[in-house]
PDB file of N, CA and C in Angstrom:
ATOM      1  N   MET A   1      -6.517  58.392  14.562  1.00  0.00           N
ATOM      2  CA  MET A   1      -6.370  57.704  13.404  1.00  0.00           C
ATOM      3  C   MET A   1      -4.997  56.683  12.944  1.00  0.00           C
ATOM      4  N   ALA A   2      -3.772  57.406  13.867  1.00  0.00           N
ATOM      5  CA  ALA A   2      -2.929  56.314  13.647  1.00  0.00           C
ATOM      6  C   ALA A   2      -3.292  54.949  14.423  1.00  0.00           C
ATOM      7  N   SER A   3      -3.567  55.040  15.439  1.00  0.00           N
ATOM      8  CA  SER A   3      -4.097  53.396  16.327  1.00  0.00           C
ATOM      9  C   SER A   3      -4.992  53.143  15.322  1.00  0.00           C
ATOM     10  N   ILE A   4      -5.865  53.477  14.459  1.00  0.00           N
ATOM     11  CA  ILE A   4      -6.981  52.620  13.920  1.00  0.00           C
ATOM     12  C   ILE A   4      -6.083  52.061  12.489  1.00  0.00           C
ATOM     13  N   ASP A   5      -4.825  52.476  11.973  1.00  0.00           N
ATOM     14  CA  ASP A   5      -4.613  52.253  10.862  1.00  0.00           C
ATOM     15  C   ASP A   5      -3.475  51.167  11.317  1.00  0.00           C
ATOM     16  N   LYS A   6      -2.797  51.524  12.244  1.00  0.00           N
ATOM     17  CA  LYS A   6      -1.747  50.303  13.206  1.00  0.00           C
ATOM     18  C   LYS A   6      -2.438  49.208  13.515  1.00  0.00           C
ATOM     19  N   LEU A   7      -3.955  49.258  13.973  1.00  0.00           N
ATOM     20  CA  LEU A   7      -4.523  48.125  14.386  1.00  0.00           C
ATOM     21  C   LEU A   7      -5.204  47.115  13.059  1.00  0.00           C
ATOM     22  N   TYR A   8      -5.397  48.303  12.014  1.00  0.00           N
ATOM     23  CA  TYR A   8      -6.154  47.329  10.574  1.00  0.00           C
ATOM     24  C   TYR A   8      -4.428  46.851   9.959  1.00  0.00           C
ATOM     25  N   GLU A   9      -3.544  47.447  10.529  1.00  0.00           N
ATOM     26  CA  GLU A   9      -2.248  46.706   9.675  1.00  0.00           C
ATOM     27  C   GLU A   9      -1.992  45.141  10.587  1.00  0.00           C
ATOM     28  N   GLU A  10      -2.144  45.155  11.691  1.00  0.00           N
ATOM     29  CA  GLU A  10      -1.969  44.141  12.710  1.00  0.00           C
ATOM     30  C   GLU A  10      -2.774  42.951  12.298  1.00  0.00           C
ATOM     31  N   VAL A  11      -4.021  43.345  12.174  1.00  0.00           N
ATOM     32  CA  VAL A  11      -5.213  42.527  11.791  1.00  0.00           C
ATOM     33  C   VAL A  11      -5.192  41.964  10.642  1.00  0.00           C
ATOM     34  N   LYS A  12      -4.711  42.722   9.507  1.00  0.00           N
ATOM     35  CA  LYS A  12      -4.489  42.112   8.023  1.00  0.00           C
ATOM     36  C   LYS A  12      -2.992  41.300   8.484  1.00  0.00           C
ATOM     37  N   LYS A  13      -2.052  41.639   9.070  1.00  0.00           N
ATOM     38  CA  LYS A  13      -0.743  40.758   9.294  1.00  0.00           C
ATOM     39  C   LYS A  13      -1.506  39.224   9.781  1.00  0.00           C
ATOM     40  N   GLY A  14      -2.234  39.344  11.155  1.00  0.00           N
ATOM     41  CA  GLY A  14      -2.561  38.256  11.871  1.00  0.00           C
ATOM     42  C   GLY A  14      -3.728  37.391  10.814  1.00  0.00           C
ATOM     43  N   THR A  15      -4.255  37.798   9.911  1.00  0.00           N
ATOM     44  CA  THR A  15      -5.483  37.315   8.977  1.00  0.00           C
ATOM     45  C   THR A  15      -4.293  36.502   8.240  1.00  0.00           C
ATOM     46  N   LYS A  16      -3.277  37.321   7.608  1.00  0.00           N
ATOM     47  CA  LYS A  16      -2.216  36.413   6.363  1.00  0.00           C
ATOM     48  C   LYS A  16      -1.940  35.559   7.178  1.00  0.00           C
ATOM     49  N   THR A  17      -1.316  35.459   8.177  1.00  0.00           N
ATOM     50  CA  THR A  17      -0.606  34.677   8.834  1.00  0.00           C
ATOM     51  C   THR A  17      -1.706  33.230   9.159  1.00  0.00           C
ATOM     52  N   ASP A  18      -2.756  33.581   9.817  1.00  0.00           N
ATOM     53  CA  ASP A  18      -3.769  32.735   9.844  1.00  0.00           C
ATOM     54  C   ASP A  18      -3.886  32.073   8.509  1.00  0.00           C
ATOM     55  N   MET A  19      -4.156  32.685   7.607  1.00  0.00           N
ATOM     56  CA  MET A  19      -4.357  31.822   6.385  1.00  0.00           C
ATOM     57  C   MET A  19      -3.169  31.090   5.790  1.00  0.00           C
ATOM     58  N   GLU A  20      -1.958  31.904   5.692  1.00  0.00           N
ATOM     59  CA  GLU A  20      -0.645  30.447   5.360  1.00  0.00           C
ATOM     60  C   GLU A  20      -0.682  29.361   6.459  1.00  0.00           C
ATOM     61  N   LEU A  21      -0.852  29.595   7.842  1.00  0.00           N
ATOM     62  CA  LEU A  21      -0.829  28.675   8.662  1.00  0.00           C
ATOM     63  C   LEU A  21      -1.995  27.360   7.967  1.00  0.00           C
ATOM     64  N   PHE A  22      -3.320  28.134   7.815  1.00  0.00           N
ATOM     65  CA  PHE A  22      -4.308  27.100   7.455  1.00  0.00           C
ATOM     66  C   PHE A  22      -4.052  25.888   6.240  1.00  0.00           C
ATOM     67  N   VAL A  23      -3.617  26.832   5.336  1.00  0.00           N
ATOM     68  CA  VAL A  23      -2.985  26.361   3.901  1.00  0.00           C
ATOM     69  C   VAL A  23      -1.994  25.358   4.161  1.00  0.00           C
ATOM     70  N   LEU A  24      -0.564  25.684   4.860  1.00  0.00           N
ATOM     71  CA  LEU A  24       0.281  24.674   5.203  1.00  0.00           C
ATOM     72  C   LEU A  24      -0.333  23.472   6.160  1.00  0.00           C
ATOM     73  N   LYS A  25      -1.360  23.387   7.090  1.00  0.00           N
ATOM     74  CA  LYS A  25      -1.685  22.443   7.541  1.00  0.00           C
ATOM     75  C   LYS A  25      -2.574  21.527   6.820  1.00  0.00           C
ATOM     76  N   ALA A  26      -3.422  22.156   5.843  1.00  0.00           N
ATOM     77  CA  ALA A  26      -3.981  21.579   4.724  1.00  0.00           C
ATOM     78  C   ALA A  26      -3.099  20.547   3.850  1.00  0.00           C
ATOM     79  N   VAL A  27      -2.147  21.339   3.321  1.00  0.00           N
ATOM     80  CA  VAL A  27      -1.052  20.570   2.884  1.00  0.00           C
ATOM     81  C   VAL A  27      -0.519  19.178   3.276  1.00  0.00           C
ATOM     82  N   ASP A  28      -0.344  19.517   4.669  1.00  0.00           N
ATOM     83  CA  ASP A  28       0.642  18.852   5.609  1.00  0.00           C
ATOM     84  C   ASP A  28      -0.497  17.449   5.632  1.00  0.00           C
ATOM     85  N   LYS A  29      -1.876  17.481   5.917  1.00  0.00           N
ATOM     86  CA  LYS A  29      -2.860  16.530   5.906  1.00  0.00           C
ATOM     87  C   LYS A  29      -2.887  16.049   4.869  1.00  0.00           C
ATOM     88  N   ALA A  30      -2.787  16.487   3.462  1.00  0.00           N
ATOM     89  CA  ALA A  30      -2.850  15.830   2.071  1.00  0.00           C
ATOM     90  C   ALA A  30      -1.771  15.178   1.907  1.00  0.00           C
ATOM     91  N   ALA A  31      -0.687  15.512   2.223  1.00  0.00           N
ATOM     92  CA  ALA A  31       0.640  14.936   2.039  1.00  0.00           C
ATOM     93  C   ALA A  31       0.665  13.664   3.073  1.00  0.00           C
ATOM     94  N   ASP A  32      -0.238  13.744   4.252  1.00  0.00           N
ATOM     95  CA  ASP A  32      -0.012  12.384   4.989  1.00  0.00           C
ATOM     96  C   ASP A  32      -1.008  11.397   4.399  1.00  0.00           C
ATOM     97  N   ALA A  33      -2.091  12.029   3.619  1.00  0.00           N
ATOM     98  CA  ALA A  33      -3.097  11.094   3.335  1.00  0.00           C
ATOM     99  C   ALA A  33      -2.450  10.336   2.140  1.00  0.00           C
ATOM    100  N   LEU A  34      -1.738  11.002   1.375  1.00  0.00           N
ATOM    101  CA  LEU A  34      -1.516  10.657   0.104  1.00  0.00           C
ATOM    102  C   LEU A  34      -0.205   9.504   0.273  1.00  0.00           C
ATOM    103  N   SER A  35       0.646   9.894   1.206  1.00  0.00           N
ATOM    104  CA  SER A  35       1.566   8.955   1.719  1.00  0.00           C
ATOM    105  C   SER A  35       1.065   7.690   2.091  1.00  0.00           C
ATOM    106  N   SER A  36      -0.079   7.505   3.149  1.00  0.00           N
ATOM    107  CA  SER A  36      -0.319   6.685   3.726  1.00  0.00           C
ATOM    108  C   SER A  36      -1.374   5.812   2.454  1.00  0.00           C
ATOM    109  N   SER A  37      -1.990   6.121   1.480  1.00  0.00           N
ATOM    110  CA  SER A  37      -2.243   5.567   0.323  1.00  0.00           C
ATOM    111  C   SER A  37      -1.336   4.839  -0.368  1.00  0.00           C
ATOM    112  N   PHE A  38      -0.151   5.609  -0.605  1.00  0.00           N
ATOM    113  CA  PHE A  38       0.910   4.816  -1.148  1.00  0.00           C
ATOM    114  C   PHE A  38       1.410   4.022  -0.817  1.00  0.00           C
ATOM    115  N   THR A  39       1.833   4.204   0.765  1.00  0.00           N
ATOM    116  CA  THR A  39       2.042   3.140   1.530  1.00  0.00           C
ATOM    117  C   THR A  39       0.832   1.799   1.689  1.00  0.00           C
ATOM    118  N   MET A  40      -0.161   2.040   1.607  1.00  0.00           N
ATOM    119  CA  MET A  40      -0.943   1.040   1.811  1.00  0.00           C
ATOM    120  C   MET A  40      -1.299   0.030   0.346  1.00  0.00           C
ATOM    121  N   LEU A  41      -1.187   0.990  -0.620  1.00  0.00           N
ATOM    122  CA  LEU A  41      -1.135   0.651  -2.156  1.00  0.00           C
ATOM    123  C   LEU A  41       0.368  -0.781  -2.215  1.00  0.00           C
ATOM    124  N   PHE A  42       1.552  -0.024  -1.867  1.00  0.00           N
ATOM    125  CA  PHE A  42       2.925  -1.007  -1.872  1.00  0.00           C
ATOM    126  C   PHE A  42       2.338  -2.048  -0.901  1.00  0.00           C
ATOM    127  N   VAL A  43       1.697  -2.055   0.206  1.00  0.00           N
ATOM    128  CA  VAL A  43       1.380  -3.073   1.045  1.00  0.00           C
ATOM    129  C   VAL A  43       0.657  -4.114  -0.017  1.00  0.00           C
ATOM    130  N   ILE A  44      -0.267  -4.096  -0.329  1.00  0.00           N
ATOM    131  CA  ILE A  44      -1.533  -4.514  -1.119  1.00  0.00           C
ATOM    132  C   ILE A  44      -0.704  -5.330  -2.339  1.00  0.00           C
ATOM    133  N   VAL A  45      -0.305  -4.691  -2.638  1.00  0.00           N
ATOM    134  CA  VAL A  45       0.763  -5.164  -4.159  1.00  0.00           C
ATOM    135  C   VAL A  45       1.729  -6.139  -3.905  1.00  0.00           C
ATOM    136  N   VAL A  46       2.757  -5.722  -2.891  1.00  0.00           N
ATOM    137  CA  VAL A  46       3.356  -6.709  -2.609  1.00  0.00           C
ATOM    138  C   VAL A  46       2.917  -8.266  -1.613  1.00  0.00           C
ATOM    139  N   ALA A  47       1.819  -7.961  -0.745  1.00  0.00           N
ATOM    140  CA  ALA A  47       0.821  -9.287  -0.724  1.00  0.00           C
ATOM    141  C   ALA A  47       0.580 -10.149  -1.472  1.00  0.00           C
ATOM    142  N   MET A  48      -0.213  -9.373  -2.330  1.00  0.00           N
ATOM    143  CA  MET A  48      -0.687 -10.342  -3.521  1.00  0.00           C
ATOM    144  C   MET A  48       0.499 -10.720  -4.554  1.00  0.00           C
ATOM    145  N   LEU A  49       1.237 -10.088  -4.755  1.00  0.00           N
ATOM    146  CA  LEU A  49       2.830 -11.107  -5.177  1.00  0.00           C
ATOM    147  C   LEU A  49       2.902 -12.079  -4.693  1.00  0.00           C
ATOM    148  N   THR A  50       3.018 -12.143  -3.430  1.00  0.00           N
ATOM    149  CA  THR A  50       3.674 -12.791  -2.536  1.00  0.00           C
ATOM    150  C   THR A  50       2.659 -14.004  -2.354  1.00  0.00           C
ATOM    151  N   LEU A  51       1.210 -13.694  -2.383  1.00  0.00           N
ATOM    152  CA  LEU A  51       0.277 -14.880  -2.491  1.00  0.00           C
ATOM    153  C   LEU A  51       0.385 -15.702  -3.730  1.00  0.00           C
ATOM    154  N   PHE A  52       0.193 -14.767  -4.912  1.00  0.00           N
ATOM    155  CA  PHE A  52       0.370 -15.348  -6.398  1.00  0.00           C
ATOM    156  C   PHE A  52       1.598 -16.198  -6.194  1.00  0.00           C
ATOM    157  N   VAL A  53       2.646 -16.033  -5.885  1.00  0.00           N
ATOM    158  CA  VAL A  53       3.760 -16.474  -5.934  1.00  0.00           C
ATOM    159  C   VAL A  53       3.913 -17.704  -5.241  1.00  0.00           C
ATOM    160  N   ASN A  54       3.147 -17.415  -4.358  1.00  0.00           N
ATOM    161  CA  ASN A  54       3.349 -19.067  -3.114  1.00  0.00           C
ATOM    162  C   ASN A  54       2.196 -19.757  -3.825  1.00  0.00           C
ATOM    163  N   MET A  55       1.095 -19.371  -4.323  1.00  0.00           N
ATOM    164  CA  MET A  55       0.269 -20.189  -4.867  1.00  0.00           C
ATOM    165  C   MET A  55       0.718 -20.836  -6.186  1.00  0.00           C
ATOM    166  N   ASP A  56       1.491 -20.419  -6.877  1.00  0.00           N
ATOM    167  CA  ASP A  56       2.558 -20.903  -7.749  1.00  0.00           C
ATOM    168  C   ASP A  56       3.482 -22.253  -7.310  1.00  0.00           C
ATOM    169  N   LEU A  57       3.972 -21.848  -6.319  1.00  0.00           N
ATOM    170  CA  LEU A  57       4.826 -22.346  -5.748  1.00  0.00           C
ATOM    171  C   LEU A  57       4.126 -23.865  -5.319  1.00  0.00           C
ATOM    172  N   SER A  58       2.777 -23.500  -4.493  1.00  0.00           N
ATOM    173  CA  SER A  58       2.035 -24.997  -3.959  1.00  0.00           C
ATOM    174  C   SER A  58       1.671 -25.626  -4.893  1.00  0.00           C
ATOM    175  N   PHE A  59       0.917 -24.783  -6.353  1.00  0.00           N
ATOM    176  CA  PHE A  59       0.501 -25.838  -7.249  1.00  0.00           C
ATOM    177  C   PHE A  59       1.457 -26.775  -7.814  1.00  0.00           C
ATOM    178  N   PHE A  60       2.688 -26.395  -7.818  1.00  0.00           N
ATOM    179  CA  PHE A  60       3.964 -26.950  -8.465  1.00  0.00           C
ATOM    180  C   PHE A  60       4.043 -28.254  -7.361  1.00  0.00           C
ATOM    181  N   ILE A  61       4.322 -28.108  -6.323  1.00  0.00           N
ATOM    182  CA  ILE A  61       4.678 -29.001  -5.294  1.00  0.00           C
ATOM    183  C   ILE A  61       3.414 -29.866  -5.363  1.00  0.00           C
ATOM    184  N   VAL A  62       2.146 -29.635  -5.377  1.00  0.00           N
ATOM    185  CA  VAL A  62       1.255 -30.355  -5.230  1.00  0.00           C
ATOM    186  C   VAL A  62       0.872 -31.295  -6.648  1.00  0.00           C
ATOM    187  N   SER A  63       1.477 -30.281  -7.967  1.00  0.00           N
ATOM    188  CA  SER A  63       1.563 -31.574  -9.242  1.00  0.00           C
ATOM    189  C   SER A  63       2.634 -32.505  -9.179  1.00  0.00           C
ATOM    190  N   GLY A  64       3.643 -31.921  -8.449  1.00  0.00           N
ATOM    191  CA  GLY A  64       5.092 -32.876  -8.451  1.00  0.00           C
ATOM    192  C   GLY A  64       4.914 -33.911  -7.676  1.00  0.00           C
ATOM    193  N   VAL A  65       3.691 -34.009  -6.415  1.00  0.00           N
ATOM    194  CA  VAL A  65       3.338 -35.334  -5.254  1.00  0.00           C
ATOM    195  C   VAL A  65       2.321 -35.766  -6.515  1.00  0.00           C
ATOM    196  N   TYR A  66       1.579 -35.416  -7.059  1.00  0.00           N
ATOM    197  CA  TYR A  66       0.600 -35.968  -7.758  1.00  0.00           C
ATOM    198  C   TYR A  66       1.254 -37.146  -8.848  1.00  0.00           C
ATOM    199  N   LEU A  67       2.486 -36.364  -9.611  1.00  0.00           N
ATOM    200  CA  LEU A  67       3.531 -37.118 -10.809  1.00  0.00           C
ATOM    201  C   LEU A  67       4.259 -38.024 -10.313  1.00  0.00           C
ATOM    202  N   ILE A  68       4.838 -37.956  -9.053  1.00  0.00           N
ATOM    203  CA  ILE A  68       5.118 -38.954  -8.534  1.00  0.00           C
ATOM    204  C   ILE A  68       4.762 -39.644  -8.026  1.00  0.00           C
ATOM    205  N   LEU A  69       3.216 -39.657  -7.416  1.00  0.00           N
ATOM    206  CA  LEU A  69       2.192 -40.878  -7.069  1.00  0.00           C
ATOM    207  C   LEU A  69       1.987 -41.493  -8.506  1.00  0.00           C
ATOM    208  N   ALA A  70       1.332 -41.062  -9.419  1.00  0.00           N
ATOM    209  CA  ALA A  70       1.020 -41.415 -10.347  1.00  0.00           C
ATOM    210  C   ALA A  70       2.093 -42.306 -11.140  1.00  0.00           C
ATOM    211  N   LEU A  71       3.679 -41.797 -11.128  1.00  0.00           N
ATOM    212  CA  LEU A  71       4.624 -42.625 -11.883  1.00  0.00           C
ATOM    213  C   LEU A  71       4.545 -44.222 -10.736  1.00  0.00           C
ATOM    214  N   VAL A  72       4.687 -43.910  -9.541  1.00  0.00           N
ATOM    215  CA  VAL A  72       4.619 -45.149  -8.646  1.00  0.00           C
ATOM    216  C   VAL A  72       3.639 -45.956  -9.114  1.00  0.00           C
ATOM    217  N   LEU A  73       2.616 -45.745  -8.728  1.00  0.00           N
ATOM    218  CA  LEU A  73       1.417 -46.310  -9.361  1.00  0.00           C
ATOM    219  C   LEU A  73       1.632 -46.847 -10.553  1.00  0.00           C
ATOM    220  N   LYS A  74       1.798 -46.261 -11.693  1.00  0.00           N
ATOM    221  CA  LYS A  74       1.758 -46.719 -12.905  1.00  0.00           C
ATOM    222  C   LYS A  74       3.388 -47.862 -12.889  1.00  0.00           C
ATOM    223  N   LYS A  75       4.186 -47.773 -12.226  1.00  0.00           N
ATOM    224  CA  LYS A  75       5.279 -48.710 -12.253  1.00  0.00           C
ATOM    225  C   LYS A  75       4.551 -50.161 -11.255  1.00  0.00           C
ATOM    226  N   LYS A  76       3.770 -49.726 -10.566  1.00  0.00           N
ATOM    227  CA  LYS A  76       3.453 -50.911  -9.588  1.00  0.00           C
ATOM    228  C   LYS A  76       2.055 -51.937 -10.535  1.00  0.00           C
ATOM    229  N   THR A  77       1.570 -51.197 -11.257  1.00  0.00           N
ATOM    230  CA  THR A  77       0.098 -51.924 -12.332  1.00  0.00           C
ATOM    231  C   THR A  77       1.005 -52.660 -13.121  1.00  0.00           C
ATOM    232  N   HIS A  78       2.439 -52.067 -13.976  1.00  0.00           N
ATOM    233  CA  HIS A  78       3.243 -52.681 -15.044  1.00  0.00           C
ATOM    234  C   HIS A  78       3.675 -53.785 -14.282  1.00  0.00           C
ATOM    235  N   GLU A  79       4.136 -53.618 -13.109  1.00  0.00           N
ATOM    236  CA  GLU A  79       4.869 -55.192 -12.338  1.00  0.00           C
ATOM    237  C   GLU A  79       3.980 -56.115 -12.117  1.00  0.00           C
ATOM    238  N   GLU A  80       2.583 -55.679 -12.061  1.00  0.00           N
ATOM    239  CA  GLU A  80       1.715 -56.728 -11.442  1.00  0.00           C
ATOM    240  C   GLU A  80       1.065 -57.287 -12.644  1.00  0.00           C
ATOM    241  N   ALA A  81       0.793 -57.087 -13.813  1.00  0.00           N
ATOM    242  CA  ALA A  81       0.545 -57.089 -15.255  1.00  0.00           C
ATOM    243  C   ALA A  81       1.509 -58.372 -15.677  1.00  0.00           C
TER     244      ALA A  81
END
């Protein structure tokens, strides 16, 4: 009987260790997934902000070019008249 009890305890200890290992691996994978998700979200937010800032900058540059063109054409039109 002593060897059966000892075997039972060893199996119980091994099962407990396997369960702890399974939980730790699951937590590790969940942490990796969450970390990757936050990293991807951060990259998307930075890319969108950069895009919007560049769009605003581009808008102002194009608007400035058209303003200068309009002022030059207006000045030439008044000189000819």
